Amino acid sequence: MTLLTPSRSPAAVSKEPVPKSPMRRKRGTGARKQLTAWLFLVPALLVFGLFAWWPIVRSLLLSFQRTNLVEPAVWVGLDNFRTLFDDPLLATAVGNTLFFVALGLLIGFPAPLVLAAVMSTVRRGAGVYRFLVYLPVVIPPVVAILLWKWFYDPGSGLFNNILGKIGLGPYPWLESSDSAMLSLVLEATWAGMGGAVLIYLAAMVSIPGELYEAAEVDGAGIWRRIWHVMLPQLRSVIGLLLLVQLINTVQVFTEPYVFTGGGPDNATLTVLLLIFRYAFQDGEYGQAAALSFLMVLALALLSAVYLRATRSWSTS
């Protein structure tokens, strides 16, 4: 006897749901995850674009216009840039800014590294020293500058009083065009190096102690251990802080504005202070925007050179 099993028609078979393959399920899950990520990202992009990118685009448009921000702007093409390059103060401001950057690299850049190397050897009271080093960072910049302005006072200032005890001075720290910029750099270094010191200390802690021990077994002294072990391990941190130092010093404004107002004889007039004068003293917003745009281009070029120069550091 033959057992016959009921056969299903092709139409009935086609109506049954076809199970999805694992690959299709994986693609669907991935697409949903990407959509969810974009939904969370869009508000942040809108806020960032409104408050960060739109001002840059607006400044670029403003550099080609003449406006007093009340009446309708007039399109003037490259006239703002031509007027800018005809201003003799531009060369003075660029030269002073580069001088500030050079002094900042010479004095302000190695100081945190040296201080961090010394502090890393301290075993007792390390927390107190770290607090004292970081304390100037939490002081409002204007308050710190006014404090140092009293230090630099040619009559009753702290520095001239101390130097007077050993028969030196008094020196016109801020009143002389020869020493005014150096005075600004000293204060800026004191006020800003606390953060860099803590970053260096954190990076030094991450260096394996076996490297120092191996160098010591090979007879390396402290300077050779610093040069051949510590500095190569810190090169990515040093490079990053170097870029931050360059950008911060190029954008220096508070120190020359509060200390000297750009004087004496424009000896401390920087690019950012010149932009401030164009915009809020002369009412030339187009020239201020044009100079700001050139400054952004210079900093972008500097950052690109840095990234290209340090690309191999992250892969080695």
Protein backbone atom coordinates (compact mmCIF):
# COMPACT_ATOMS: atom_id res chain seq x y z
CA MET A 1 0.00 0.00 0.00
CA THR A 2 1.39 3.34 -0.96
CA LEU A 3 1.14 6.27 1.45
CA LEU A 4 0.38 9.50 -0.32
CA THR A 5 1.42 12.77 1.37
CA PRO A 6 -0.62 15.87 0.55
CA SER A 7 1.29 18.04 -1.88
CA ARG A 8 1.21 21.85 -1.46
CA SER A 9 0.37 23.94 -4.43
CA PRO A 10 3.00 26.52 -5.69
CA ALA A 11 0.66 29.37 -4.75
CA ALA A 12 0.46 28.20 -1.14
CA VAL A 13 4.23 27.89 -0.94
CA SER A 14 4.79 31.40 -2.29
CA LYS A 15 2.51 32.95 0.38
CA GLU A 16 4.69 31.73 3.27
CA PRO A 17 7.14 34.33 4.56
CA VAL A 18 10.65 33.78 3.37
CA PRO A 19 13.12 33.88 6.30
CA LYS A 20 15.74 36.60 6.00
CA SER A 21 19.30 35.57 5.58
CA PRO A 22 21.76 36.39 8.40
CA MET A 23 23.51 38.85 6.08
CA ARG A 24 20.28 40.81 5.42
CA ARG A 25 19.42 40.88 9.14
CA LYS A 26 22.92 42.20 9.88
CA ARG A 27 22.59 44.92 7.24
CA GLY A 28 19.21 45.97 8.62
CA THR A 29 20.54 46.20 12.17
CA GLY A 30 23.53 48.20 10.99
CA ALA A 31 21.32 50.65 9.10
CA ARG A 32 19.09 51.17 12.15
CA LYS A 33 22.15 51.81 14.31
CA GLN A 34 23.49 54.37 11.83
CA LEU A 35 20.11 56.10 11.65
CA THR A 36 19.93 56.26 15.45
CA ALA A 37 23.45 57.68 15.62
CA TRP A 38 22.61 60.37 13.08
CA LEU A 39 19.43 61.29 14.97
CA PHE A 40 21.50 61.88 18.12
CA LEU A 41 24.20 63.70 16.13
CA VAL A 42 22.00 66.14 14.21
CA PRO A 43 21.13 68.44 17.19
CA ALA A 44 24.81 68.72 18.12
CA LEU A 45 25.75 69.49 14.49
CA LEU A 46 23.06 72.16 14.27
CA VAL A 47 24.18 73.86 17.48
CA PHE A 48 27.86 73.59 16.54
CA GLY A 49 27.20 74.89 13.05
CA LEU A 50 25.13 77.81 14.34
CA PHE A 51 27.64 78.96 16.97
CA ALA A 52 30.96 77.86 15.43
CA TRP A 53 30.77 77.54 11.63
CA TRP A 54 28.21 80.25 10.82
CA PRO A 55 30.26 83.05 12.51
CA ILE A 56 33.26 81.99 10.40
CA VAL A 57 31.19 82.12 7.20
CA ARG A 58 29.64 85.45 8.28
CA SER A 59 33.09 86.91 8.98
CA LEU A 60 34.28 85.81 5.55
CA LEU A 61 31.31 87.56 3.90
CA LEU A 62 31.86 90.64 6.08
CA SER A 63 35.48 90.91 4.89
CA PHE A 64 34.17 91.74 1.41
CA GLN A 65 31.66 94.33 2.64
CA ARG A 66 31.61 97.82 4.13
CA THR A 67 29.12 98.14 6.95
CA ASN A 68 28.48 99.84 10.26
CA LEU A 69 26.21 96.95 11.36
CA VAL A 70 23.21 99.31 11.28
CA GLU A 71 22.72 100.26 7.64
CA PRO A 72 22.67 97.69 4.82
CA ALA A 73 26.12 96.38 3.96
CA VAL A 74 27.79 97.40 0.68
CA TRP A 75 29.79 94.88 -1.34
CA VAL A 76 33.31 96.30 -1.88
CA GLY A 77 35.20 93.26 -3.12
CA LEU A 78 38.87 93.26 -2.10
CA ASP A 79 38.97 96.90 -0.95
CA ASN A 80 39.19 95.92 2.72
CA PHE A 81 42.23 93.74 2.02
CA ARG A 82 43.91 96.55 -0.03
CA THR A 83 43.33 99.05 2.78
CA LEU A 84 44.63 96.51 5.25
CA PHE A 85 47.91 95.97 3.41
CA ASP A 86 48.40 99.75 3.02
CA ASP A 87 48.23 100.21 6.81
CA PRO A 88 51.79 100.46 8.24
CA LEU A 89 50.51 99.20 11.60
CA LEU A 90 49.85 95.78 10.05
CA ALA A 91 53.57 95.06 9.66
CA THR A 92 54.17 96.33 13.20
CA ALA A 93 51.43 94.11 14.62
CA VAL A 94 52.62 91.02 12.73
CA GLY A 95 56.22 91.62 13.81
CA ASN A 96 55.22 92.10 17.46
CA THR A 97 53.06 88.97 17.37
CA LEU A 98 55.91 86.91 15.93
CA PHE A 99 58.22 88.35 18.59
CA PHE A 100 55.73 87.33 21.29
CA VAL A 101 55.50 83.83 19.76
CA ALA A 102 59.31 83.50 19.66
CA LEU A 103 59.69 84.62 23.29
CA GLY A 104 56.84 82.30 24.28
CA LEU A 105 58.58 79.34 22.64
CA LEU A 106 61.93 80.27 24.18
CA ILE A 107 60.65 80.87 27.72
CA GLY A 108 57.11 79.59 28.06
CA PHE A 109 57.36 76.27 26.21
CA PRO A 110 60.29 74.53 27.98
CA ALA A 111 59.38 75.89 31.44
CA PRO A 112 56.43 73.48 32.08
CA LEU A 113 58.44 70.47 30.86
CA VAL A 114 61.39 71.27 33.11
CA LEU A 115 59.10 71.95 36.08
CA ALA A 116 57.20 68.71 35.50
CA ALA A 117 60.46 66.73 35.30
CA VAL A 118 61.56 68.20 38.64
CA MET A 119 58.15 67.64 40.26
CA SER A 120 58.06 64.01 39.07
CA THR A 121 61.01 63.29 41.37
CA VAL A 122 59.27 64.75 44.43
CA ARG A 123 57.79 62.11 46.72
CA ARG A 124 56.57 64.17 49.69
CA GLY A 125 54.05 66.97 49.27
CA ALA A 126 53.54 66.32 45.56
CA GLY A 127 49.87 67.26 45.82
CA VAL A 128 50.72 70.62 47.38
CA TYR A 129 53.21 71.44 44.62
CA ARG A 130 50.66 70.50 41.94
CA PHE A 131 48.06 72.71 43.58
CA LEU A 132 50.46 75.64 43.74
CA VAL A 133 51.50 75.18 40.10
CA TYR A 134 47.90 75.04 38.89
CA LEU A 135 46.68 77.89 41.11
CA PRO A 136 47.51 80.70 38.59
CA VAL A 137 45.30 78.98 35.98
CA VAL A 138 42.16 79.42 38.12
CA ILE A 139 42.84 83.12 38.76
CA PRO A 140 40.84 85.28 36.32
CA PRO A 141 43.23 86.60 33.63
CA VAL A 142 42.44 90.27 34.23
CA VAL A 143 43.01 89.87 37.99
CA ALA A 144 46.34 88.13 37.36
CA ILE A 145 47.42 90.87 34.94
CA LEU A 146 46.50 93.64 37.39
CA LEU A 147 48.49 91.80 40.08
CA TRP A 148 51.53 91.64 37.81
CA LYS A 149 51.02 95.25 36.83
CA TRP A 150 51.70 96.11 40.46
CA PHE A 151 54.75 93.79 40.39
CA TYR A 152 56.09 95.80 37.42
CA ASP A 153 55.36 99.21 38.93
CA PRO A 154 58.55 101.28 38.48
CA GLY A 155 58.10 103.07 41.84
CA SER A 156 56.71 100.65 44.42
CA GLY A 157 56.58 97.40 42.43
CA LEU A 158 57.64 94.07 43.91
CA PHE A 159 60.33 93.33 41.31
CA ASN A 160 62.05 96.70 41.58
CA ASN A 161 61.95 96.49 45.39
CA ILE A 162 63.63 93.08 45.34
CA LEU A 163 66.21 94.14 42.77
CA GLY A 164 66.82 97.35 44.74
CA LYS A 165 67.97 95.22 47.71
CA ILE A 166 70.97 94.11 45.65
CA GLY A 167 71.59 97.49 44.08
CA LEU A 168 69.81 96.96 40.75
CA GLY A 169 67.11 99.01 39.08
CA PRO A 170 64.60 100.46 39.12
CA TYR A 171 63.61 99.22 35.67
CA PRO A 172 60.71 100.55 33.55
CA TRP A 173 59.30 97.09 32.83
CA LEU A 174 56.18 98.16 30.94
CA GLU A 175 57.17 101.73 30.09
CA SER A 176 60.15 100.78 27.89
CA SER A 177 59.66 99.42 24.38
CA ASP A 178 62.72 97.19 24.96
CA SER A 179 61.31 95.30 27.96
CA ALA A 180 57.52 95.62 27.57
CA MET A 181 57.04 92.52 25.40
CA LEU A 182 59.31 90.40 27.62
CA SER A 183 57.27 91.50 30.64
CA LEU A 184 54.08 90.33 28.94
CA VAL A 185 55.59 86.95 28.10
CA LEU A 186 56.74 86.37 31.70
CA GLU A 187 53.24 86.96 33.03
CA ALA A 188 51.61 84.85 30.32
CA THR A 189 54.02 81.99 31.06
CA TRP A 190 53.28 82.13 34.80
CA ALA A 191 49.53 82.28 34.22
CA GLY A 192 49.23 79.48 31.68
CA MET A 193 51.82 76.81 32.39
CA GLY A 194 49.93 75.03 35.19
CA GLY A 195 47.79 72.99 32.80
CA ALA A 196 50.81 71.96 30.71
CA VAL A 197 52.69 70.87 33.83
CA LEU A 198 49.85 68.54 34.88
CA ILE A 199 49.63 67.08 31.35
CA TYR A 200 53.37 66.41 31.32
CA LEU A 201 53.18 64.82 34.79
CA ALA A 202 50.35 62.51 33.68
CA ALA A 203 52.33 61.50 30.59
CA MET A 204 55.48 60.85 32.64
CA VAL A 205 53.56 58.51 34.97
CA SER A 206 52.56 56.39 31.97
CA ILE A 207 56.18 55.74 30.94
CA PRO A 208 57.09 52.14 31.92
CA GLY A 209 59.59 52.09 34.77
CA GLU A 210 61.43 49.19 33.10
CA LEU A 211 62.77 51.61 30.48
CA TYR A 212 64.43 53.76 33.14
CA GLU A 213 65.77 50.67 34.92
CA ALA A 214 67.22 49.26 31.71
CA ALA A 215 68.88 52.59 30.91
CA GLU A 216 70.26 52.77 34.46
CA VAL A 217 71.69 49.24 34.16
CA ASP A 218 73.40 50.35 30.94
CA GLY A 219 75.07 53.13 32.91
CA ALA A 220 72.92 56.05 31.71
CA GLY A 221 72.94 59.08 33.99
CA ILE A 222 69.92 61.25 34.70
CA TRP A 223 70.42 63.49 31.66
CA ARG A 224 70.82 60.52 29.30
CA ARG A 225 67.69 58.93 30.80
CA ILE A 226 65.81 62.16 30.19
CA TRP A 227 67.14 62.56 26.64
CA HIS A 228 66.92 58.93 25.46
CA VAL A 229 63.93 57.64 27.48
CA MET A 230 61.66 60.38 28.74
CA LEU A 231 61.65 62.82 25.82
CA PRO A 232 61.05 60.17 23.08
CA GLN A 233 58.13 58.79 25.12
CA LEU A 234 56.66 62.28 25.46
CA ARG A 235 57.12 63.42 21.87
CA SER A 236 53.43 63.18 20.91
CA VAL A 237 52.43 65.18 24.01
CA ILE A 238 55.23 67.69 23.38
CA GLY A 239 54.11 68.10 19.77
CA LEU A 240 50.47 68.64 20.76
CA LEU A 241 51.35 71.20 23.44
CA LEU A 242 53.66 72.93 20.97
CA LEU A 243 50.77 73.41 18.56
CA VAL A 244 48.53 74.68 21.38
CA GLN A 245 51.29 77.05 22.49
CA LEU A 246 51.70 78.44 18.97
CA ILE A 247 47.96 78.99 18.50
CA ASN A 248 47.56 80.62 21.93
CA THR A 249 50.51 82.95 21.47
CA VAL A 250 49.44 84.00 17.98
CA GLN A 251 46.04 84.93 19.45
CA VAL A 252 47.44 86.92 22.37
CA PHE A 253 45.15 89.81 23.27
CA THR A 254 44.38 90.19 26.99
CA GLU A 255 47.97 90.86 28.11
CA PRO A 256 48.76 93.72 25.68
CA TYR A 257 45.24 95.16 26.03
CA VAL A 258 45.22 95.32 29.85
CA PHE A 259 48.94 95.82 30.49
CA THR A 260 49.91 98.45 27.91
CA GLY A 261 47.05 99.02 25.46
CA GLY A 262 49.54 98.28 22.69
CA GLY A 263 52.17 100.76 23.84
CA PRO A 264 54.67 102.14 24.37
CA ASP A 265 54.99 103.36 20.77
CA ASN A 266 53.02 100.33 19.52
CA ALA A 267 55.76 98.02 20.86
CA THR A 268 53.15 95.55 22.14
CA LEU A 269 50.54 96.01 19.44
CA THR A 270 49.55 92.49 18.33
CA VAL A 271 47.40 91.29 15.44
CA LEU A 272 44.38 90.57 17.63
CA LEU A 273 44.68 93.96 19.31
CA LEU A 274 44.80 95.59 15.86
CA ILE A 275 41.62 93.72 14.91
CA PHE A 276 40.01 95.07 18.08
CA ARG A 277 41.05 98.63 17.15
CA TYR A 278 39.67 98.28 13.62
CA ALA A 279 36.31 97.00 14.85
CA PHE A 280 35.60 98.81 18.11
CA GLN A 281 37.63 102.03 17.86
CA ASP A 282 37.56 102.85 14.14
CA GLY A 283 34.27 101.11 13.28
CA GLU A 284 35.91 99.38 10.28
CA TYR A 285 34.24 96.01 10.70
CA GLY A 286 35.12 94.94 7.16
CA GLN A 287 38.85 95.46 7.73
CA ALA A 288 38.61 93.69 11.09
CA ALA A 289 36.90 90.73 9.42
CA ALA A 290 39.48 90.69 6.61
CA LEU A 291 42.38 90.57 9.07
CA SER A 292 40.58 87.90 11.11
CA PHE A 293 40.14 85.81 7.97
CA LEU A 294 43.86 86.11 7.14
CA MET A 295 44.68 85.07 10.69
CA VAL A 296 42.45 81.99 10.41
CA LEU A 297 44.20 81.04 7.17
CA ALA A 298 47.61 81.37 8.83
CA LEU A 299 46.56 79.21 11.79
CA ALA A 300 44.98 76.60 9.49
CA LEU A 301 48.21 76.45 7.48
CA LEU A 302 50.21 76.10 10.69
CA SER A 303 47.96 73.26 11.89
CA ALA A 304 48.24 71.46 8.53
CA VAL A 305 52.04 71.68 8.64
CA TYR A 306 52.00 70.33 12.20
CA LEU A 307 49.71 67.39 11.33
CA ARG A 308 51.86 66.48 8.33
CA ALA A 309 55.07 66.76 10.32
CA THR A 310 53.77 64.64 13.22
CA ARG A 311 51.83 62.06 11.20
CA SER A 312 54.60 59.52 11.58
CA TRP A 313 54.64 59.96 15.38
CA SER A 314 51.25 58.34 15.83
CA THR A 315 52.14 55.32 13.72
CA SER A 316 55.63 54.67 15.06
